[in-house]
Amino acid sequence: HVADSTSVTLTHASSFANRIGEGAMLNLSQDGLACRISRELSDSLDIGGPIGVVFELGSAPTRIEAKGTIKNKTAAGSAHSIIVGVCFNDDAESEGTKDQLARLLGS
């Protein structure tokens, strides 16, 4: 259950508490997500760079914290917003998060 207005907090990969901005989640899988962010925030992120994401998911919201990599940036139909694709890390630390997402997404 992903609400239409689910927001994603982007953080430094080294600390989920170190917030760098916020975006609107567009889609989500256990492997990654896409979110719409401001062009200004997008300009501060590098493709291939590390990123942390924090969001809530489920009917009784569960806080999800995941580390990933910026995979792409595409135009979002507005001069002021960009869609950023994030691929979650494929490491031991991320396996629990991926399993939790799979359960919550019913996949």
Protein backbone atom coordinates (compact mmCIF):
# COMPACT_ATOMS: atom_id res chain seq x y z
CA HIS A 1 0.00 0.00 0.00
CA VAL A 2 1.80 3.10 -1.26
CA ALA A 3 -0.20 6.29 -0.85
CA ASP A 4 -0.30 8.62 -3.86
CA SER A 5 1.52 11.25 -1.86
CA THR A 6 4.15 9.07 -0.21
CA SER A 7 7.18 11.23 0.38
CA VAL A 8 10.76 10.04 0.43
CA THR A 9 13.43 11.71 2.51
CA LEU A 10 16.83 11.65 0.80
CA THR A 11 19.81 11.45 3.13
CA HIS A 12 23.53 10.99 2.97
CA ALA A 13 24.30 7.28 2.65
CA SER A 14 26.49 7.47 5.75
CA SER A 15 23.66 8.62 8.02
CA PHE A 16 19.88 8.40 7.64
CA ALA A 17 19.66 11.34 10.08
CA ASN A 18 21.59 13.63 7.71
CA ARG A 19 18.69 14.85 5.53
CA ILE A 20 19.50 16.46 2.17
CA GLY A 21 16.01 16.80 0.68
CA GLU A 22 12.61 15.33 -0.02
CA GLY A 23 10.86 13.85 -3.03
CA ALA A 24 7.55 12.31 -4.07
CA MET A 25 7.71 8.55 -4.60
CA LEU A 26 6.51 7.52 -8.05
CA ASN A 27 7.16 3.78 -7.94
CA LEU A 28 8.77 1.22 -5.70
CA SER A 29 10.04 -2.33 -5.86
CA GLN A 30 12.27 -4.36 -3.59
CA ASP A 31 15.17 -3.38 -5.87
CA GLY A 32 14.72 0.38 -5.89
CA LEU A 33 12.47 3.37 -6.39
CA ALA A 34 11.83 6.42 -8.51
CA CYS A 35 11.00 9.78 -7.01
CA ARG A 36 10.36 13.29 -8.26
CA ILE A 37 12.65 15.90 -6.72
CA SER A 38 13.46 19.55 -7.34
CA ARG A 39 15.93 20.40 -10.09
CA GLU A 40 18.04 22.15 -7.45
CA LEU A 41 18.30 18.97 -5.38
CA SER A 42 18.93 16.89 -8.50
CA ASP A 43 21.83 19.14 -9.48
CA SER A 44 23.51 18.31 -6.15
CA LEU A 45 23.32 14.53 -6.77
CA ASP A 46 25.65 12.56 -9.02
CA ILE A 47 24.66 9.55 -11.10
CA GLY A 48 26.52 6.61 -9.58
CA GLY A 49 26.71 8.38 -6.23
CA PRO A 50 25.54 6.88 -2.93
CA ILE A 51 22.24 7.96 -1.39
CA GLY A 52 20.08 7.05 1.59
CA VAL A 53 16.27 6.96 1.39
CA VAL A 54 13.75 6.94 4.23
CA PHE A 55 10.00 6.43 3.78
CA GLU A 56 6.99 4.75 5.36
CA LEU A 57 5.11 1.89 3.78
CA GLY A 58 2.10 -0.24 4.59
CA SER A 59 -1.35 0.18 6.12
CA ALA A 60 0.23 0.43 9.59
CA PRO A 61 3.21 2.43 8.32
CA THR A 62 6.59 0.78 8.67
CA ARG A 63 9.64 3.04 8.49
CA ILE A 64 12.02 1.86 5.78
CA GLU A 65 15.64 3.01 5.63
CA ALA A 66 17.63 1.90 2.59
CA LYS A 67 20.99 2.74 1.09
CA GLY A 68 21.37 2.87 -2.65
CA THR A 69 22.94 4.41 -5.72
CA ILE A 70 21.59 7.12 -8.02
CA LYS A 71 21.09 5.27 -11.33
CA ASN A 72 19.49 7.92 -13.54
CA LYS A 73 17.93 11.35 -13.76
CA THR A 74 15.21 12.18 -16.29
CA ALA A 75 13.04 15.18 -17.04
CA ALA A 76 9.76 15.18 -15.11
CA GLY A 77 7.71 17.33 -17.50
CA SER A 78 8.48 20.53 -15.62
CA ALA A 79 11.48 22.84 -15.67
CA HIS A 80 11.59 22.63 -11.89
CA SER A 81 11.50 18.87 -11.25
CA ILE A 82 13.52 15.78 -12.12
CA ILE A 83 12.78 12.07 -11.70
CA VAL A 84 15.61 10.22 -9.99
CA GLY A 85 16.00 6.45 -10.09
CA VAL A 86 17.60 4.82 -7.05
CA CYS A 87 18.79 1.20 -7.04
CA PHE A 88 19.04 -0.25 -3.54
CA ASN A 89 22.42 -1.67 -2.58
CA ASP A 90 22.91 -5.38 -3.12
CA ASP A 91 24.84 -6.21 0.02
CA ALA A 92 24.34 -8.07 3.28
CA GLU A 93 23.23 -4.91 5.11
CA SER A 94 20.48 -4.31 2.53
CA GLU A 95 19.11 -7.87 2.39
CA GLY A 96 16.89 -7.37 5.45
CA THR A 97 15.45 -4.20 3.94
CA LYS A 98 14.79 -5.96 0.63
CA ASP A 99 13.08 -8.86 2.43
CA GLN A 100 10.95 -6.41 4.42
CA LEU A 101 9.96 -4.57 1.23
CA ALA A 102 9.09 -7.83 -0.52
CA ARG A 103 6.75 -8.73 2.37
CA LEU A 104 5.14 -5.29 2.50
CA LEU A 105 4.73 -5.14 -1.29
CA GLY A 106 3.37 -8.69 -1.40
CA SER A 107 5.91 -9.79 -3.99
